[in-house]
Amino acid sequence: MAEQQSSPEQAPTPGPQSLAKHAQGSIHRDPFIRAFLDKTPKDIAESFTDAQLLQLKLMFGTRAKAQHAVDFRPIIGGFGWNYYLVFLFGRNRRELTRAEQRAASAGRVVALLVGSFVLFSIVITSLYLLKSFLGIDLLPNFSLGLWSWLNS
């Protein structure tokens, strides 16, 4: 069988070896890796393997690309001073430290208590208005005045 020679205008189809070689060098073309290596001393930057660079990108490179449901970043200031305010809201995909877990649990308890109080207040007010609408007088000569205020 004769081997086929590839002409200059016909590129050979990439095989597994050429894909592996291409993928191996592609980490150095990544913008995060290039910026990281530019800030690193040259002798240290040359000592990183592709696997180490890929792990660095996985650990630190994705932070800037996080998507949030709400991403509000106004700048406040003037006359030579500037402050920034960042409000982010979205699903937390990070691993929480023990202190963050305690704070999250405390936040859930506070939210549950506030929500319960609001719900209880709405139910009591609704029952009071229903009682007043039906003309039921539980305490003679006493009224909160809510029903008469709504009727006026």
C-alpha atoms as a PDB file:
ATOM      1  CA  MET A   1       0.000   0.000   0.000  1.00  0.00           C
ATOM      2  CA  ALA A   2       1.258   3.418  -0.860  1.00  0.00           C
ATOM      3  CA  GLU A   3       1.266   6.191   1.708  1.00  0.00           C
ATOM      4  CA  GLN A   4      -0.634   9.298   0.793  1.00  0.00           C
ATOM      5  CA  GLN A   5       1.250  12.575   0.975  1.00  0.00           C
ATOM      6  CA  SER A   6      -0.762  15.544   2.181  1.00  0.00           C
ATOM      7  CA  SER A   7      -0.569  18.579  -0.019  1.00  0.00           C
ATOM      8  CA  PRO A   8      -0.009  22.048   1.473  1.00  0.00           C
ATOM      9  CA  GLU A   9      -3.603  23.087   0.807  1.00  0.00           C
ATOM     10  CA  GLN A  10      -5.037  19.964   2.508  1.00  0.00           C
ATOM     11  CA  ALA A  11      -4.440  19.865   6.268  1.00  0.00           C
ATOM     12  CA  PRO A  12      -4.185  16.434   7.885  1.00  0.00           C
ATOM     13  CA  THR A  13      -7.067  15.407  10.093  1.00  0.00           C
ATOM     14  CA  PRO A  14      -6.166  15.735  13.755  1.00  0.00           C
ATOM     15  CA  GLY A  15      -5.534  12.447  15.470  1.00  0.00           C
ATOM     16  CA  PRO A  16      -5.469  11.723  19.200  1.00  0.00           C
ATOM     17  CA  GLN A  17      -1.779  12.640  19.495  1.00  0.00           C
ATOM     18  CA  SER A  18      -2.121  16.019  17.778  1.00  0.00           C
ATOM     19  CA  LEU A  19      -5.219  16.853  19.875  1.00  0.00           C
ATOM     20  CA  ALA A  20      -3.348  16.000  23.070  1.00  0.00           C
ATOM     21  CA  LYS A  21      -0.395  18.126  21.956  1.00  0.00           C
ATOM     22  CA  HIS A  22      -2.724  21.009  21.045  1.00  0.00           C
ATOM     23  CA  ALA A  23      -4.622  20.759  24.339  1.00  0.00           C
ATOM     24  CA  GLN A  24      -1.393  20.601  26.318  1.00  0.00           C
ATOM     25  CA  GLY A  25      -0.129  23.958  25.042  1.00  0.00           C
ATOM     26  CA  SER A  26      -3.503  25.696  25.071  1.00  0.00           C
ATOM     27  CA  ILE A  27      -3.370  26.425  28.806  1.00  0.00           C
ATOM     28  CA  HIS A  28      -0.676  29.032  28.133  1.00  0.00           C
ATOM     29  CA  ARG A  29      -3.046  30.911  25.793  1.00  0.00           C
ATOM     30  CA  ASP A  30      -5.709  31.282  28.481  1.00  0.00           C
ATOM     31  CA  PRO A  31      -6.118  34.967  29.543  1.00  0.00           C
ATOM     32  CA  PHE A  32      -6.128  34.154  33.272  1.00  0.00           C
ATOM     33  CA  ILE A  33      -2.984  32.021  32.994  1.00  0.00           C
ATOM     34  CA  ARG A  34      -1.215  34.632  30.855  1.00  0.00           C
ATOM     35  CA  ALA A  35      -2.026  37.370  33.399  1.00  0.00           C
ATOM     36  CA  PHE A  36      -0.926  35.130  36.257  1.00  0.00           C
ATOM     37  CA  LEU A  37       2.371  34.209  34.581  1.00  0.00           C
ATOM     38  CA  ASP A  38       3.048  37.860  33.695  1.00  0.00           C
ATOM     39  CA  LYS A  39       2.892  38.749  37.399  1.00  0.00           C
ATOM     40  CA  THR A  40       5.110  35.805  38.425  1.00  0.00           C
ATOM     41  CA  PRO A  41       8.936  35.929  38.289  1.00  0.00           C
ATOM     42  CA  LYS A  42      10.176  34.346  35.046  1.00  0.00           C
ATOM     43  CA  ASP A  43      12.149  31.479  36.655  1.00  0.00           C
ATOM     44  CA  ILE A  44       9.142  30.479  38.776  1.00  0.00           C
ATOM     45  CA  ALA A  45       6.666  30.908  35.901  1.00  0.00           C
ATOM     46  CA  GLU A  46       8.681  28.502  33.752  1.00  0.00           C
ATOM     47  CA  SER A  47       8.664  25.867  36.500  1.00  0.00           C
ATOM     48  CA  PHE A  48       4.851  25.413  36.471  1.00  0.00           C
ATOM     49  CA  THR A  49       3.539  22.333  34.702  1.00  0.00           C
ATOM     50  CA  ASP A  50       0.357  22.452  32.618  1.00  0.00           C
ATOM     51  CA  ALA A  51      -1.452  20.419  35.281  1.00  0.00           C
ATOM     52  CA  GLN A  52      -0.445  22.923  37.976  1.00  0.00           C
ATOM     53  CA  LEU A  53      -1.558  25.859  35.835  1.00  0.00           C
ATOM     54  CA  LEU A  54      -4.871  24.174  35.108  1.00  0.00           C
ATOM     55  CA  GLN A  55      -5.428  23.595  38.830  1.00  0.00           C
ATOM     56  CA  LEU A  56      -4.613  27.256  39.554  1.00  0.00           C
ATOM     57  CA  LYS A  57      -7.168  28.320  36.959  1.00  0.00           C
ATOM     58  CA  LEU A  58      -9.788  26.012  38.444  1.00  0.00           C
ATOM     59  CA  MET A  59      -9.107  27.321  41.951  1.00  0.00           C
ATOM     60  CA  PHE A  60      -8.827  31.056  41.283  1.00  0.00           C
ATOM     61  CA  GLY A  61      -9.701  31.813  37.680  1.00  0.00           C
ATOM     62  CA  THR A  62     -13.447  31.263  37.912  1.00  0.00           C
ATOM     63  CA  ARG A  63     -14.080  33.868  40.617  1.00  0.00           C
ATOM     64  CA  ALA A  64     -14.327  36.775  38.204  1.00  0.00           C
ATOM     65  CA  LYS A  65     -16.768  34.892  35.983  1.00  0.00           C
ATOM     66  CA  ALA A  66     -19.361  34.154  38.665  1.00  0.00           C
ATOM     67  CA  GLN A  67     -22.886  35.023  37.589  1.00  0.00           C
ATOM     68  CA  HIS A  68     -25.288  36.500  40.126  1.00  0.00           C
ATOM     69  CA  ALA A  69     -29.001  37.092  39.923  1.00  0.00           C
ATOM     70  CA  VAL A  70     -28.388  40.638  41.207  1.00  0.00           C
ATOM     71  CA  ASP A  71     -25.023  42.363  40.655  1.00  0.00           C
ATOM     72  CA  PHE A  72     -25.279  46.004  41.764  1.00  0.00           C
ATOM     73  CA  ARG A  73     -21.989  47.977  42.002  1.00  0.00           C
ATOM     74  CA  PRO A  74     -22.494  51.742  42.323  1.00  0.00           C
ATOM     75  CA  ILE A  75     -19.675  54.197  43.025  1.00  0.00           C
ATOM     76  CA  ILE A  76     -20.403  56.982  45.503  1.00  0.00           C
ATOM     77  CA  GLY A  77     -18.212  59.986  46.059  1.00  0.00           C
ATOM     78  CA  GLY A  78     -16.762  63.184  44.806  1.00  0.00           C
ATOM     79  CA  PHE A  79     -14.310  65.936  45.710  1.00  0.00           C
ATOM     80  CA  GLY A  80     -11.321  63.585  45.751  1.00  0.00           C
ATOM     81  CA  TRP A  81     -12.871  60.602  47.519  1.00  0.00           C
ATOM     82  CA  ASN A  82     -14.712  57.623  46.110  1.00  0.00           C
ATOM     83  CA  TYR A  83     -16.370  54.678  47.776  1.00  0.00           C
ATOM     84  CA  TYR A  84     -17.910  51.672  46.133  1.00  0.00           C
ATOM     85  CA  LEU A  85     -20.818  49.535  47.229  1.00  0.00           C
ATOM     86  CA  VAL A  86     -21.266  45.961  46.042  1.00  0.00           C
ATOM     87  CA  PHE A  87     -24.534  44.096  46.435  1.00  0.00           C
ATOM     88  CA  LEU A  88     -24.565  40.568  45.062  1.00  0.00           C
ATOM     89  CA  PHE A  89     -27.422  38.137  45.313  1.00  0.00           C
ATOM     90  CA  GLY A  90     -27.454  34.610  43.996  1.00  0.00           C
ATOM     91  CA  ARG A  91     -27.076  30.962  44.842  1.00  0.00           C
ATOM     92  CA  ASN A  92     -24.077  30.223  47.053  1.00  0.00           C
ATOM     93  CA  ARG A  93     -21.884  27.569  45.436  1.00  0.00           C
ATOM     94  CA  ARG A  94     -18.942  27.911  47.816  1.00  0.00           C
ATOM     95  CA  GLU A  95     -18.035  25.629  50.674  1.00  0.00           C
ATOM     96  CA  LEU A  96     -18.884  27.438  53.909  1.00  0.00           C
ATOM     97  CA  THR A  97     -16.532  27.708  56.862  1.00  0.00           C
ATOM     98  CA  ARG A  98     -17.821  26.751  60.297  1.00  0.00           C
ATOM     99  CA  ALA A  99     -18.357  30.413  61.222  1.00  0.00           C
ATOM    100  CA  GLU A 100     -20.269  31.029  57.974  1.00  0.00           C
ATOM    101  CA  GLN A 101     -22.428  27.962  58.646  1.00  0.00           C
ATOM    102  CA  ARG A 102     -23.276  29.292  62.126  1.00  0.00           C
ATOM    103  CA  ALA A 103     -24.088  32.738  60.701  1.00  0.00           C
ATOM    104  CA  ALA A 104     -26.286  31.162  58.006  1.00  0.00           C
ATOM    105  CA  SER A 105     -28.129  29.113  60.631  1.00  0.00           C
ATOM    106  CA  ALA A 106     -28.646  32.189  62.805  1.00  0.00           C
ATOM    107  CA  GLY A 107     -29.936  34.069  59.752  1.00  0.00           C
ATOM    108  CA  ARG A 108     -32.419  31.288  59.029  1.00  0.00           C
ATOM    109  CA  VAL A 109     -33.679  31.395  62.641  1.00  0.00           C
ATOM    110  CA  VAL A 110     -34.104  35.186  62.526  1.00  0.00           C
ATOM    111  CA  ALA A 111     -35.872  34.992  59.153  1.00  0.00           C
ATOM    112  CA  LEU A 112     -38.171  32.261  60.486  1.00  0.00           C
ATOM    113  CA  LEU A 113     -39.011  34.312  63.597  1.00  0.00           C
ATOM    114  CA  VAL A 114     -39.682  37.506  61.615  1.00  0.00           C
ATOM    115  CA  GLY A 115     -41.741  35.609  59.044  1.00  0.00           C
ATOM    116  CA  SER A 116     -43.754  33.906  61.786  1.00  0.00           C
ATOM    117  CA  PHE A 117     -44.420  37.244  63.478  1.00  0.00           C
ATOM    118  CA  VAL A 118     -45.568  38.845  60.214  1.00  0.00           C
ATOM    119  CA  LEU A 119     -47.821  35.876  59.403  1.00  0.00           C
ATOM    120  CA  PHE A 120     -49.257  35.872  62.938  1.00  0.00           C
ATOM    121  CA  SER A 121     -49.951  39.628  62.712  1.00  0.00           C
ATOM    122  CA  ILE A 122     -51.731  39.232  59.365  1.00  0.00           C
ATOM    123  CA  VAL A 123     -53.893  36.369  60.688  1.00  0.00           C
ATOM    124  CA  ILE A 124     -54.840  38.232  63.891  1.00  0.00           C
ATOM    125  CA  THR A 125     -55.652  41.433  61.974  1.00  0.00           C
ATOM    126  CA  SER A 126     -57.736  39.479  59.453  1.00  0.00           C
ATOM    127  CA  LEU A 127     -59.642  37.714  62.236  1.00  0.00           C
ATOM    128  CA  TYR A 128     -60.262  41.054  63.987  1.00  0.00           C
ATOM    129  CA  LEU A 129     -61.592  42.591  60.762  1.00  0.00           C
ATOM    130  CA  LEU A 130     -63.799  39.538  60.136  1.00  0.00           C
ATOM    131  CA  LYS A 131     -65.157  39.778  63.697  1.00  0.00           C
ATOM    132  CA  SER A 132     -65.885  43.474  63.232  1.00  0.00           C
ATOM    133  CA  PHE A 133     -67.533  42.854  59.828  1.00  0.00           C
ATOM    134  CA  LEU A 134     -69.820  40.214  61.363  1.00  0.00           C
ATOM    135  CA  GLY A 135     -70.730  42.601  64.223  1.00  0.00           C
ATOM    136  CA  ILE A 136     -69.379  40.384  66.979  1.00  0.00           C
ATOM    137  CA  ASP A 137     -68.482  42.411  70.064  1.00  0.00           C
ATOM    138  CA  LEU A 138     -66.178  40.384  72.319  1.00  0.00           C
ATOM    139  CA  LEU A 139     -65.201  43.250  74.640  1.00  0.00           C
ATOM    140  CA  PRO A 140     -68.076  45.699  75.273  1.00  0.00           C
ATOM    141  CA  ASN A 141     -67.180  49.405  75.027  1.00  0.00           C
ATOM    142  CA  PHE A 142     -63.697  48.652  73.549  1.00  0.00           C
ATOM    143  CA  SER A 143     -62.526  48.979  69.982  1.00  0.00           C
ATOM    144  CA  LEU A 144     -59.180  49.368  68.283  1.00  0.00           C
ATOM    145  CA  GLY A 145     -60.799  51.631  65.730  1.00  0.00           C
ATOM    146  CA  LEU A 146     -59.463  49.732  62.736  1.00  0.00           C
ATOM    147  CA  TRP A 147     -62.895  48.768  61.414  1.00  0.00           C
ATOM    148  CA  SER A 148     -64.297  52.292  61.765  1.00  0.00           C
ATOM    149  CA  TRP A 149     -61.159  53.712  60.110  1.00  0.00           C
ATOM    150  CA  LEU A 150     -61.586  51.332  57.139  1.00  0.00           C
ATOM    151  CA  ASN A 151     -65.303  52.173  56.844  1.00  0.00           C
ATOM    152  CA  SER A 152     -64.688  55.919  56.710  1.00  0.00           C
END
